[in-house]
Amino acid sequence: MTDTTKNELFETAKVTTVIRMFALPAIASSLIGSICNIVDQIFIGQKIGTLGNAATNVAFPLVMLMVTFSMLIGVGGSSNFSMEIGSGEHSRAAKTAGNSILCMAVSGIILMIITLTFLRPFMLLFGARGQTLEYAAAYTGITAIGIPFYITGTGLSMFIRADGKPKYAMLATISGAVLNTVLDPIFLFVFDMGMEGAALATILGQI
């Protein structure tokens, strides 16, 4: 879809048509991603038990931080990107996209370093104790490596939608979630890798 075609679409198409083209793929990717996360927890619960489920939930504040950074930069940057494309400022739009990608990557790397440096204190702060602490530290110590990929990938999907390719953004998001779901039983049940296997499946899906 060219820039001219995109502008004509937003200027002339019915609102319901635009919603169907752009909102539905975004909703579908979020829905399937949530379902895959549920299945992920089922595999962990069946193999490791309730302590494994507890350990993954202990790290949830870090997940919210990742979502915050990706939404902050992705939504803001892609909105500015769309306005500049619409006004014909293609060079400024390219700079906006480049700066946003850099900000997402850098913020992800900084958050990864902070998480790995203060891993156990964070897990204690979030309420992990005993065996749950060991599981949470093992899981988060690996998933922290995927933080830059999560933030950049989630933020980039917003730019892809703003560029007129909502289905591509949907497929990219879904493919990562499905890969995580497929790798989970392989690493957990076939290779018996425990929490480390679940964490590895997660970051490979993010990458």
N, C-alpha and C. Protein backbone atom coordinates (compact mmCIF):
# COMPACT_ATOMS: atom_id res chain seq x y z
N MET A 1 0.85 -1.18 0.00
CA MET A 1 0.00 0.00 0.00
C MET A 1 0.89 1.24 0.00
N THR A 2 0.76 2.11 -1.03
CA THR A 2 1.57 3.32 -1.10
C THR A 2 1.04 4.37 -0.15
N ASP A 3 1.86 5.43 0.08
CA ASP A 3 1.43 6.50 0.97
C ASP A 3 0.18 7.18 0.44
N THR A 4 0.12 7.36 -0.90
CA THR A 4 -1.06 8.00 -1.51
C THR A 4 -2.30 7.15 -1.28
N THR A 5 -2.16 5.84 -1.47
CA THR A 5 -3.30 4.94 -1.27
C THR A 5 -3.76 4.95 0.18
N LYS A 6 -2.80 4.97 1.11
CA LYS A 6 -3.15 5.01 2.52
C LYS A 6 -3.91 6.28 2.87
N ASN A 7 -3.42 7.42 2.35
CA ASN A 7 -4.09 8.69 2.63
C ASN A 7 -5.51 8.70 2.06
N GLU A 8 -5.64 8.16 0.85
CA GLU A 8 -6.98 8.10 0.24
C GLU A 8 -7.90 7.19 1.04
N LEU A 9 -7.36 6.11 1.55
CA LEU A 9 -8.16 5.19 2.35
C LEU A 9 -8.72 5.89 3.58
N PHE A 10 -7.85 6.58 4.32
CA PHE A 10 -8.31 7.24 5.54
C PHE A 10 -9.21 8.43 5.25
N GLU A 11 -9.05 9.04 4.09
CA GLU A 11 -9.86 10.22 3.77
C GLU A 11 -11.22 9.86 3.21
N THR A 12 -11.32 8.75 2.50
CA THR A 12 -12.55 8.45 1.76
C THR A 12 -13.30 7.22 2.24
N ALA A 13 -12.61 6.27 2.87
CA ALA A 13 -13.26 5.01 3.24
C ALA A 13 -14.19 5.21 4.43
N LYS A 14 -15.16 4.32 4.56
CA LYS A 14 -16.05 4.35 5.71
C LYS A 14 -15.27 4.00 6.98
N VAL A 15 -15.73 4.56 8.07
CA VAL A 15 -15.07 4.29 9.35
C VAL A 15 -15.10 2.80 9.67
N THR A 16 -16.22 2.14 9.38
CA THR A 16 -16.32 0.71 9.66
C THR A 16 -15.31 -0.10 8.85
N THR A 17 -15.03 0.35 7.62
CA THR A 17 -14.05 -0.34 6.79
C THR A 17 -12.66 -0.21 7.38
N VAL A 18 -12.31 1.00 7.80
CA VAL A 18 -10.99 1.23 8.39
C VAL A 18 -10.84 0.44 9.69
N ILE A 19 -11.91 0.41 10.51
CA ILE A 19 -11.86 -0.35 11.76
C ILE A 19 -11.64 -1.83 11.47
N ARG A 20 -12.38 -2.34 10.47
CA ARG A 20 -12.24 -3.76 10.14
C ARG A 20 -10.81 -4.07 9.68
N MET A 21 -10.21 -3.17 8.91
CA MET A 21 -8.88 -3.42 8.35
C MET A 21 -7.77 -3.29 9.39
N PHE A 22 -7.94 -2.37 10.34
CA PHE A 22 -6.85 -2.07 11.26
C PHE A 22 -7.10 -2.56 12.69
N ALA A 23 -8.32 -2.43 13.17
CA ALA A 23 -8.58 -2.80 14.57
C ALA A 23 -8.69 -4.31 14.75
N LEU A 24 -9.37 -4.97 13.84
CA LEU A 24 -9.60 -6.41 14.01
C LEU A 24 -8.30 -7.22 14.05
N PRO A 25 -7.31 -6.94 13.17
CA PRO A 25 -6.05 -7.68 13.31
C PRO A 25 -5.35 -7.43 14.64
N ALA A 26 -5.43 -6.19 15.14
CA ALA A 26 -4.81 -5.88 16.42
C ALA A 26 -5.51 -6.63 17.55
N ILE A 27 -6.84 -6.69 17.49
CA ILE A 27 -7.60 -7.43 18.50
C ILE A 27 -7.28 -8.92 18.43
N ALA A 28 -7.20 -9.44 17.21
CA ALA A 28 -6.92 -10.86 17.03
C ALA A 28 -5.54 -11.23 17.58
N SER A 29 -4.54 -10.38 17.32
CA SER A 29 -3.19 -10.68 17.81
C SER A 29 -3.15 -10.65 19.33
N SER A 30 -3.85 -9.70 19.95
CA SER A 30 -3.89 -9.64 21.41
C SER A 30 -4.61 -10.85 22.00
N LEU A 31 -5.71 -11.25 21.35
CA LEU A 31 -6.49 -12.39 21.83
C LEU A 31 -5.69 -13.68 21.75
N ILE A 32 -5.07 -13.92 20.60
CA ILE A 32 -4.31 -15.15 20.43
C ILE A 32 -3.09 -15.14 21.35
N GLY A 33 -2.46 -13.96 21.52
CA GLY A 33 -1.33 -13.86 22.43
C GLY A 33 -1.73 -14.21 23.86
N SER A 34 -2.92 -13.76 24.27
CA SER A 34 -3.41 -14.08 25.62
C SER A 34 -3.69 -15.57 25.77
N ILE A 35 -4.29 -16.16 24.74
CA ILE A 35 -4.57 -17.60 24.77
C ILE A 35 -3.27 -18.40 24.87
N CYS A 36 -2.26 -17.99 24.12
CA CYS A 36 -0.97 -18.69 24.16
C CYS A 36 -0.32 -18.56 25.53
N ASN A 37 -0.49 -17.40 26.18
CA ASN A 37 0.05 -17.23 27.53
C ASN A 37 -0.64 -18.16 28.52
N ILE A 38 -1.95 -18.35 28.33
CA ILE A 38 -2.69 -19.28 29.20
C ILE A 38 -2.17 -20.70 29.01
N VAL A 39 -1.99 -21.09 27.75
CA VAL A 39 -1.47 -22.42 27.45
C VAL A 39 -0.06 -22.58 28.02
N ASP A 40 0.73 -21.52 27.94
CA ASP A 40 2.07 -21.52 28.51
C ASP A 40 2.02 -21.84 29.99
N GLN A 41 1.09 -21.21 30.70
CA GLN A 41 0.95 -21.47 32.14
C GLN A 41 0.47 -22.90 32.42
N ILE A 42 -0.35 -23.43 31.53
CA ILE A 42 -0.83 -24.81 31.69
C ILE A 42 0.35 -25.79 31.61
N PHE A 43 1.22 -25.60 30.61
CA PHE A 43 2.38 -26.47 30.47
C PHE A 43 3.29 -26.39 31.70
N ILE A 44 3.55 -25.17 32.16
CA ILE A 44 4.41 -24.99 33.33
C ILE A 44 3.78 -25.63 34.56
N GLY A 45 2.47 -25.44 34.73
CA GLY A 45 1.78 -26.03 35.88
C GLY A 45 1.79 -27.54 35.85
N GLN A 46 1.60 -28.12 34.66
CA GLN A 46 1.59 -29.57 34.55
C GLN A 46 2.96 -30.19 34.80
N LYS A 47 4.00 -29.51 34.36
CA LYS A 47 5.35 -30.08 34.49
C LYS A 47 6.00 -29.73 35.83
N ILE A 48 5.91 -28.46 36.24
CA ILE A 48 6.64 -28.02 37.42
C ILE A 48 5.73 -27.91 38.64
N GLY A 49 4.47 -27.53 38.41
CA GLY A 49 3.53 -27.41 39.51
C GLY A 49 3.19 -25.95 39.83
N THR A 50 2.49 -25.79 40.93
CA THR A 50 2.02 -24.45 41.29
C THR A 50 3.16 -23.49 41.59
N LEU A 51 4.28 -24.01 42.09
CA LEU A 51 5.43 -23.14 42.35
C LEU A 51 5.97 -22.54 41.05
N GLY A 52 5.90 -23.31 39.98
CA GLY A 52 6.32 -22.79 38.68
C GLY A 52 5.42 -21.67 38.20
N ASN A 53 4.11 -21.86 38.37
CA ASN A 53 3.16 -20.80 38.00
C ASN A 53 3.38 -19.56 38.86
N ALA A 54 3.63 -19.78 40.16
CA ALA A 54 3.88 -18.66 41.06
C ALA A 54 5.14 -17.90 40.65
N ALA A 55 6.16 -18.63 40.25
CA ALA A 55 7.43 -18.00 39.88
C ALA A 55 7.27 -17.10 38.65
N THR A 56 6.50 -17.55 37.67
CA THR A 56 6.31 -16.72 36.48
C THR A 56 5.49 -15.48 36.81
N ASN A 57 4.56 -15.60 37.74
CA ASN A 57 3.74 -14.44 38.12
C ASN A 57 4.50 -13.46 38.99
N VAL A 58 5.52 -13.92 39.68
CA VAL A 58 6.35 -13.03 40.48
C VAL A 58 7.01 -11.98 39.58
N ALA A 59 7.38 -12.40 38.37
CA ALA A 59 8.06 -11.49 37.44
C ALA A 59 7.11 -10.58 36.69
N PHE A 60 5.81 -10.64 37.00
CA PHE A 60 4.83 -9.87 36.23
C PHE A 60 5.05 -8.35 36.29
N PRO A 61 5.51 -7.78 37.43
CA PRO A 61 5.80 -6.33 37.41
C PRO A 61 6.81 -5.94 36.34
N LEU A 62 7.77 -6.82 36.05
CA LEU A 62 8.73 -6.53 34.99
C LEU A 62 8.05 -6.55 33.63
N VAL A 63 7.09 -7.46 33.47
CA VAL A 63 6.32 -7.51 32.22
C VAL A 63 5.56 -6.19 32.03
N MET A 64 4.98 -5.67 33.10
CA MET A 64 4.26 -4.40 33.00
C MET A 64 5.19 -3.25 32.65
N LEU A 65 6.43 -3.30 33.17
CA LEU A 65 7.41 -2.28 32.80
C LEU A 65 7.74 -2.36 31.31
N MET A 66 7.89 -3.57 30.80
CA MET A 66 8.16 -3.74 29.37
C MET A 66 7.01 -3.20 28.53
N VAL A 67 5.78 -3.51 28.93
CA VAL A 67 4.60 -3.02 28.21
C VAL A 67 4.57 -1.50 28.26
N THR A 68 4.92 -0.93 29.42
CA THR A 68 4.89 0.52 29.57
C THR A 68 5.84 1.20 28.61
N PHE A 69 7.07 0.73 28.53
CA PHE A 69 8.05 1.33 27.63
C PHE A 69 7.65 1.15 26.17
N SER A 70 7.19 -0.04 25.82
CA SER A 70 6.81 -0.28 24.42
C SER A 70 5.61 0.57 24.01
N MET A 71 4.64 0.73 24.91
CA MET A 71 3.48 1.57 24.61
C MET A 71 3.85 3.04 24.59
N LEU A 72 4.67 3.46 25.54
CA LEU A 72 5.08 4.86 25.62
C LEU A 72 5.74 5.31 24.32
N ILE A 73 6.73 4.54 23.88
CA ILE A 73 7.48 4.92 22.69
C ILE A 73 6.74 4.53 21.41
N GLY A 74 6.13 3.34 21.42
CA GLY A 74 5.46 2.85 20.22
C GLY A 74 4.25 3.67 19.83
N VAL A 75 3.36 3.94 20.80
CA VAL A 75 2.15 4.71 20.50
C VAL A 75 2.49 6.15 20.15
N GLY A 76 3.36 6.77 20.97
CA GLY A 76 3.74 8.15 20.70
C GLY A 76 4.46 8.31 19.38
N GLY A 77 5.44 7.42 19.15
CA GLY A 77 6.22 7.51 17.91
C GLY A 77 5.40 7.21 16.67
N SER A 78 4.56 6.17 16.73
CA SER A 78 3.77 5.81 15.55
C SER A 78 2.70 6.86 15.24
N SER A 79 2.16 7.51 16.27
CA SER A 79 1.19 8.59 16.03
C SER A 79 1.85 9.76 15.32
N ASN A 80 3.04 10.13 15.78
CA ASN A 80 3.79 11.20 15.13
C ASN A 80 4.18 10.79 13.71
N PHE A 81 4.58 9.54 13.55
CA PHE A 81 4.94 8.99 12.24
C PHE A 81 3.77 9.10 11.27
N SER A 82 2.57 8.76 11.74
CA SER A 82 1.38 8.81 10.88
C SER A 82 1.07 10.24 10.45
N MET A 83 1.17 11.18 11.38
CA MET A 83 0.88 12.58 11.04
C MET A 83 1.89 13.13 10.03
N GLU A 84 3.15 12.74 10.17
CA GLU A 84 4.17 13.23 9.24
C GLU A 84 4.01 12.60 7.86
N ILE A 85 3.64 11.32 7.82
CA ILE A 85 3.36 10.67 6.52
C ILE A 85 2.17 11.35 5.86
N GLY A 86 1.12 11.61 6.65
CA GLY A 86 -0.07 12.25 6.10
C GLY A 86 0.18 13.64 5.56
N SER A 87 1.13 14.36 6.16
CA SER A 87 1.43 15.71 5.70
C SER A 87 2.54 15.74 4.65
N GLY A 88 3.01 14.56 4.25
CA GLY A 88 4.02 14.47 3.20
C GLY A 88 5.45 14.68 3.67
N GLU A 89 5.65 14.72 4.99
CA GLU A 89 7.00 14.91 5.54
C GLU A 89 7.68 13.55 5.69
N HIS A 90 8.07 12.99 4.56
CA HIS A 90 8.60 11.62 4.59
C HIS A 90 9.95 11.51 5.29
N SER A 91 10.81 12.51 5.13
CA SER A 91 12.12 12.45 5.78
C SER A 91 11.97 12.56 7.30
N ARG A 92 11.05 13.42 7.75
CA ARG A 92 10.81 13.54 9.18
C ARG A 92 10.17 12.26 9.74
N ALA A 93 9.31 11.65 8.93
CA ALA A 93 8.69 10.38 9.36
C ALA A 93 9.75 9.30 9.53
N ALA A 94 10.70 9.26 8.60
CA ALA A 94 11.78 8.27 8.69
C ALA A 94 12.63 8.50 9.94
N LYS A 95 12.91 9.78 10.25
CA LYS A 95 13.68 10.08 11.46
C LYS A 95 12.91 9.70 12.72
N THR A 96 11.60 9.96 12.70
CA THR A 96 10.77 9.58 13.85
C THR A 96 10.82 8.07 14.08
N ALA A 97 10.70 7.31 12.99
CA ALA A 97 10.75 5.85 13.11
C ALA A 97 12.11 5.40 13.62
N GLY A 98 13.17 5.96 13.07
CA GLY A 98 14.52 5.57 13.48
C GLY A 98 14.81 5.91 14.94
N ASN A 99 14.41 7.13 15.34
CA ASN A 99 14.63 7.54 16.73
C ASN A 99 13.82 6.68 17.70
N SER A 100 12.60 6.33 17.30
CA SER A 100 11.76 5.51 18.17
C SER A 100 12.33 4.11 18.33
N ILE A 101 12.80 3.53 17.24
CA ILE A 101 13.41 2.20 17.30
C ILE A 101 14.64 2.23 18.21
N LEU A 102 15.45 3.28 18.07
CA LEU A 102 16.64 3.41 18.91
C LEU A 102 16.25 3.54 20.39
N CYS A 103 15.23 4.35 20.67
CA CYS A 103 14.78 4.54 22.05
C CYS A 103 14.26 3.23 22.64
N MET A 104 13.51 2.47 21.84
CA MET A 104 12.99 1.20 22.32
C MET A 104 14.12 0.22 22.63
N ALA A 105 15.09 0.15 21.73
CA ALA A 105 16.21 -0.77 21.93
C ALA A 105 17.04 -0.38 23.14
N VAL A 106 17.35 0.91 23.26
CA VAL A 106 18.19 1.38 24.38
C VAL A 106 17.47 1.19 25.71
N SER A 107 16.18 1.56 25.77
CA SER A 107 15.43 1.39 27.01
C SER A 107 15.34 -0.09 27.39
N GLY A 108 15.19 -0.96 26.39
CA GLY A 108 15.15 -2.40 26.65
C GLY A 108 16.47 -2.92 27.20
N ILE A 109 17.58 -2.45 26.63
CA ILE A 109 18.90 -2.88 27.10
C ILE A 109 19.15 -2.39 28.53
N ILE A 110 18.76 -1.14 28.81
CA ILE A 110 18.95 -0.59 30.16
C ILE A 110 18.13 -1.38 31.17
N LEU A 111 16.86 -1.67 30.83
CA LEU A 111 16.01 -2.43 31.74
C LEU A 111 16.54 -3.85 31.93
N MET A 112 17.09 -4.43 30.87
CA MET A 112 17.68 -5.77 30.98
C MET A 112 18.87 -5.76 31.93
N ILE A 113 19.74 -4.78 31.80
CA ILE A 113 20.93 -4.71 32.65
C ILE A 113 20.53 -4.50 34.11
N ILE A 114 19.57 -3.61 34.36
CA ILE A 114 19.11 -3.37 35.73
C ILE A 114 18.50 -4.64 36.32
N THR A 115 17.70 -5.34 35.52
CA THR A 115 17.05 -6.56 36.00
C THR A 115 18.08 -7.63 36.35
N LEU A 116 19.05 -7.84 35.47
CA LEU A 116 20.06 -8.86 35.72
C LEU A 116 20.97 -8.49 36.89
N THR A 117 21.23 -7.19 37.06
CA THR A 117 22.10 -6.74 38.15
C THR A 117 21.43 -6.91 39.51
N PHE A 118 20.14 -6.61 39.58
CA PHE A 118 19.42 -6.67 40.86
C PHE A 118 18.34 -7.76 40.83
N LEU A 119 18.68 -8.89 40.22
CA LEU A 119 17.69 -9.93 39.99
C LEU A 119 17.07 -10.45 41.28
N ARG A 120 17.87 -10.96 42.17
CA ARG A 120 17.32 -11.55 43.40
C ARG A 120 16.67 -10.50 44.31
N PRO A 121 17.25 -9.31 44.47
CA PRO A 121 16.53 -8.29 45.25
C PRO A 121 15.16 -7.96 44.66
N PHE A 122 15.06 -7.92 43.33
CA PHE A 122 13.77 -7.67 42.70
C PHE A 122 12.78 -8.79 43.02
N MET A 123 13.25 -10.04 42.92
CA MET A 123 12.36 -11.16 43.17
C MET A 123 11.88 -11.16 44.64
N LEU A 124 12.77 -10.80 45.55
CA LEU A 124 12.38 -10.68 46.96
C LEU A 124 11.39 -9.54 47.16
N LEU A 125 11.64 -8.44 46.48
CA LEU A 125 10.73 -7.29 46.57
C LEU A 125 9.35 -7.64 46.06
N PHE A 126 9.30 -8.48 45.02
CA PHE A 126 8.01 -8.87 44.43
C PHE A 126 7.31 -9.98 45.21
N GLY A 127 7.97 -10.48 46.28
CA GLY A 127 7.30 -11.42 47.16
C GLY A 127 7.74 -12.86 47.07
N ALA A 128 8.76 -13.15 46.28
CA ALA A 128 9.22 -14.55 46.15
C ALA A 128 9.97 -14.99 47.39
N ARG A 129 9.69 -16.22 47.82
CA ARG A 129 10.35 -16.79 48.98
C ARG A 129 10.60 -18.28 48.74
N GLY A 130 11.62 -18.81 49.40
CA GLY A 130 11.87 -20.25 49.35
C GLY A 130 12.12 -20.76 47.94
N GLN A 131 11.47 -21.89 47.62
CA GLN A 131 11.64 -22.50 46.31
C GLN A 131 11.10 -21.61 45.20
N THR A 132 10.06 -20.85 45.50
CA THR A 132 9.52 -19.92 44.50
C THR A 132 10.57 -18.89 44.09
N LEU A 133 11.38 -18.45 45.06
CA LEU A 133 12.45 -17.50 44.76
C LEU A 133 13.45 -18.10 43.78
N GLU A 134 13.81 -19.37 44.00
CA GLU A 134 14.78 -20.03 43.12
C GLU A 134 14.20 -20.18 41.70
N TYR A 135 12.96 -20.60 41.61
CA TYR A 135 12.31 -20.72 40.31
C TYR A 135 12.20 -19.37 39.61
N ALA A 136 11.79 -18.36 40.37
CA ALA A 136 11.60 -17.03 39.79
C ALA A 136 12.93 -16.44 39.30
N ALA A 137 14.00 -16.64 40.08
CA ALA A 137 15.31 -16.14 39.67
C ALA A 137 15.81 -16.85 38.42
N ALA A 138 15.60 -18.17 38.36
CA ALA A 138 16.02 -18.94 37.18
C ALA A 138 15.24 -18.51 35.94
N TYR A 139 13.93 -18.33 36.10
CA TYR A 139 13.07 -17.95 34.98
C TYR A 139 13.37 -16.52 34.49
N THR A 140 13.40 -15.59 35.44
CA THR A 140 13.58 -14.19 35.09
C THR A 140 15.00 -13.90 34.61
N GLY A 141 15.97 -14.64 35.13
CA GLY A 141 17.35 -14.43 34.70
C GLY A 141 17.53 -14.70 33.22
N ILE A 142 16.71 -15.59 32.67
CA ILE A 142 16.79 -15.88 31.23
C ILE A 142 15.85 -14.96 30.44
N THR A 143 14.62 -14.79 30.92
CA THR A 143 13.66 -13.95 30.18
C THR A 143 14.10 -12.50 30.12
N ALA A 144 14.94 -12.06 31.08
CA ALA A 144 15.43 -10.68 31.04
C ALA A 144 16.21 -10.40 29.77
N ILE A 145 16.85 -11.44 29.22
CA ILE A 145 17.61 -11.27 27.97
C ILE A 145 16.68 -10.89 26.82
N GLY A 146 15.42 -11.29 26.93
CA GLY A 146 14.47 -10.99 25.87
C GLY A 146 13.80 -9.63 26.01
N ILE A 147 14.11 -8.87 27.07
CA ILE A 147 13.44 -7.58 27.27
C ILE A 147 13.62 -6.63 26.10
N PRO A 148 14.85 -6.43 25.57
CA PRO A 148 14.98 -5.52 24.43
C PRO A 148 14.17 -5.98 23.21
N PHE A 149 14.09 -7.28 23.00
CA PHE A 149 13.33 -7.80 21.87
C PHE A 149 11.83 -7.59 22.07
N TYR A 150 11.36 -7.77 23.30
CA TYR A 150 9.93 -7.58 23.58
C TYR A 150 9.53 -6.13 23.37
N ILE A 151 10.29 -5.21 23.96
CA ILE A 151 9.94 -3.79 23.85
C ILE A 151 10.01 -3.33 22.40
N THR A 152 11.09 -3.69 21.71
CA THR A 152 11.25 -3.25 20.33
C THR A 152 10.21 -3.90 19.42
N GLY A 153 9.97 -5.19 19.61
CA GLY A 153 9.00 -5.88 18.75
C GLY A 153 7.58 -5.38 18.94
N THR A 154 7.18 -5.18 20.20
CA THR A 154 5.83 -4.69 20.47
C THR A 154 5.65 -3.27 19.95
N GLY A 155 6.66 -2.43 20.16
CA GLY A 155 6.58 -1.07 19.65
C GLY A 155 6.58 -1.01 18.13
N LEU A 156 7.39 -1.87 17.52
CA LEU A 156 7.46 -1.88 16.05
C LEU A 156 6.15 -2.30 15.41
N SER A 157 5.40 -3.17 16.08
CA SER A 157 4.12 -3.60 15.52
C SER A 157 3.19 -2.40 15.33
N MET A 158 3.31 -1.41 16.20
CA MET A 158 2.49 -0.20 16.06
C MET A 158 2.91 0.61 14.84
N PHE A 159 4.21 0.65 14.57
CA PHE A 159 4.69 1.34 13.37
C PHE A 159 4.26 0.60 12.10
N ILE A 160 4.28 -0.72 12.18
CA ILE A 160 3.86 -1.52 11.01
C ILE A 160 2.39 -1.25 10.69
N ARG A 161 1.55 -1.18 11.73
CA ARG A 161 0.14 -0.85 11.51
C ARG A 161 -0.01 0.56 10.95
N ALA A 162 0.77 1.50 11.50
CA ALA A 162 0.71 2.88 11.01
C ALA A 162 1.18 2.99 9.56
N ASP A 163 2.00 2.04 9.15
CA ASP A 163 2.49 2.03 7.76
C ASP A 163 1.52 1.34 6.82
N GLY A 164 0.34 0.97 7.34
CA GLY A 164 -0.69 0.40 6.47
C GLY A 164 -0.63 -1.11 6.31
N LYS A 165 0.02 -1.81 7.24
CA LYS A 165 0.15 -3.26 7.13
C LYS A 165 -0.30 -3.95 8.42
N PRO A 166 -1.56 -3.79 8.79
CA PRO A 166 -2.03 -4.37 10.06
C PRO A 166 -1.97 -5.89 10.09
N LYS A 167 -2.20 -6.54 8.95
CA LYS A 167 -2.16 -8.01 8.92
C LYS A 167 -0.74 -8.52 9.14
N TYR A 168 0.23 -7.79 8.59
CA TYR A 168 1.63 -8.18 8.78
C TYR A 168 2.01 -8.08 10.25
N ALA A 169 1.57 -6.98 10.90
CA ALA A 169 1.83 -6.81 12.33
C ALA A 169 1.18 -7.94 13.13
N MET A 170 -0.03 -8.31 12.73
CA MET A 170 -0.74 -9.40 13.41
C MET A 170 0.02 -10.71 13.27
N LEU A 171 0.44 -11.03 12.06
CA LEU A 171 1.15 -12.29 11.83
C LEU A 171 2.48 -12.34 12.59
N ALA A 172 3.17 -11.19 12.66
CA ALA A 172 4.44 -11.14 13.38
C ALA A 172 4.22 -11.41 14.87
N THR A 173 3.18 -10.80 15.43
CA THR A 173 2.89 -10.98 16.85
C THR A 173 2.44 -12.41 17.15
N ILE A 174 1.55 -12.92 16.31
CA ILE A 174 1.01 -14.27 16.53
C ILE A 174 2.10 -15.33 16.38
N SER A 175 2.99 -15.14 15.40
CA SER A 175 4.03 -16.14 15.16
C SER A 175 4.92 -16.32 16.39
N GLY A 176 5.24 -15.22 17.08
CA GLY A 176 6.05 -15.32 18.28
C GLY A 176 5.33 -16.05 19.39
N ALA A 177 4.04 -15.74 19.56
CA ALA A 177 3.25 -16.39 20.62
C ALA A 177 3.09 -17.88 20.33
N VAL A 178 2.84 -18.22 19.08
CA VAL A 178 2.66 -19.63 18.71
C VAL A 178 3.98 -20.40 18.87
N LEU A 179 5.08 -19.76 18.48
CA LEU A 179 6.39 -20.42 18.63
C LEU A 179 6.67 -20.72 20.09
N ASN A 180 6.36 -19.76 20.97
CA ASN A 180 6.53 -19.98 22.40
C ASN A 180 5.71 -21.18 22.87
N THR A 181 4.48 -21.26 22.41
CA THR A 181 3.59 -22.35 22.81
C THR A 181 4.09 -23.71 22.29
N VAL A 182 4.64 -23.73 21.10
CA VAL A 182 5.14 -24.97 20.52
C VAL A 182 6.42 -25.43 21.24
N LEU A 183 7.29 -24.47 21.55
CA LEU A 183 8.57 -24.82 22.18
C LEU A 183 8.42 -25.21 23.64
N ASP A 184 7.40 -24.69 24.31
CA ASP A 184 7.21 -24.99 25.74
C ASP A 184 7.17 -26.49 26.04
N PRO A 185 6.28 -27.27 25.41
CA PRO A 185 6.25 -28.71 25.73
C PRO A 185 7.51 -29.43 25.31
N ILE A 186 8.18 -28.93 24.26
CA ILE A 186 9.42 -29.58 23.82
C ILE A 186 10.50 -29.41 24.88
N PHE A 187 10.68 -28.17 25.35
CA PHE A 187 11.73 -27.90 26.33
C PHE A 187 11.37 -28.46 27.72
N LEU A 188 10.07 -28.44 28.05
CA LEU A 188 9.67 -28.87 29.39
C LEU A 188 9.58 -30.39 29.50
N PHE A 189 8.93 -31.04 28.51
CA PHE A 189 8.65 -32.47 28.63
C PHE A 189 9.66 -33.35 27.90
N VAL A 190 10.13 -32.89 26.74
CA VAL A 190 11.08 -33.72 25.96
C VAL A 190 12.49 -33.58 26.52
N PHE A 191 12.95 -32.32 26.70
CA PHE A 191 14.32 -32.09 27.17
C PHE A 191 14.40 -31.90 28.68
N ASP A 192 13.26 -31.84 29.35
CA ASP A 192 13.20 -31.75 30.82
C ASP A 192 14.09 -30.61 31.34
N MET A 193 13.91 -29.42 30.77
CA MET A 193 14.76 -28.28 31.11
C MET A 193 14.19 -27.41 32.24
N GLY A 194 13.01 -27.75 32.74
CA GLY A 194 12.45 -27.02 33.87
C GLY A 194 12.11 -25.57 33.55
N MET A 195 12.25 -24.70 34.56
CA MET A 195 11.93 -23.29 34.38
C MET A 195 12.82 -22.64 33.34
N GLU A 196 14.06 -23.11 33.24
CA GLU A 196 14.96 -22.56 32.23
C GLU A 196 14.43 -22.83 30.82
N GLY A 197 13.82 -24.00 30.62
CA GLY A 197 13.24 -24.32 29.32
C GLY A 197 12.06 -23.43 28.98
N ALA A 198 11.20 -23.20 29.98
CA ALA A 198 10.06 -22.30 29.77
C ALA A 198 10.53 -20.90 29.45
N ALA A 199 11.57 -20.44 30.13
CA ALA A 199 12.12 -19.10 29.88
C ALA A 199 12.74 -19.01 28.50
N LEU A 200 13.43 -20.07 28.09
CA LEU A 200 14.06 -20.08 26.76
C LEU A 200 13.00 -20.03 25.67
N ALA A 201 11.93 -20.78 25.84
CA ALA A 201 10.83 -20.74 24.87
C ALA A 201 10.25 -19.34 24.76
N THR A 202 10.15 -18.65 25.89
CA THR A 202 9.60 -17.30 25.91
C THR A 202 10.46 -16.32 25.13
N ILE A 203 11.77 -16.33 25.39
CA ILE A 203 12.62 -15.34 24.71
C ILE A 203 12.79 -15.67 23.23
N LEU A 204 12.76 -16.95 22.86
CA LEU A 204 12.83 -17.29 21.43
C LEU A 204 11.58 -16.79 20.70
N GLY A 205 10.42 -16.89 21.36
CA GLY A 205 9.20 -16.34 20.78
C GLY A 205 9.28 -14.83 20.63
N GLN A 206 9.87 -14.15 21.62
CA GLN A 206 10.01 -12.70 21.53
C GLN A 206 10.97 -12.30 20.42
N ILE A 207 12.05 -13.03 20.31
CA ILE A 207 13.02 -12.73 19.25
C ILE A 207 12.43 -12.94 17.88
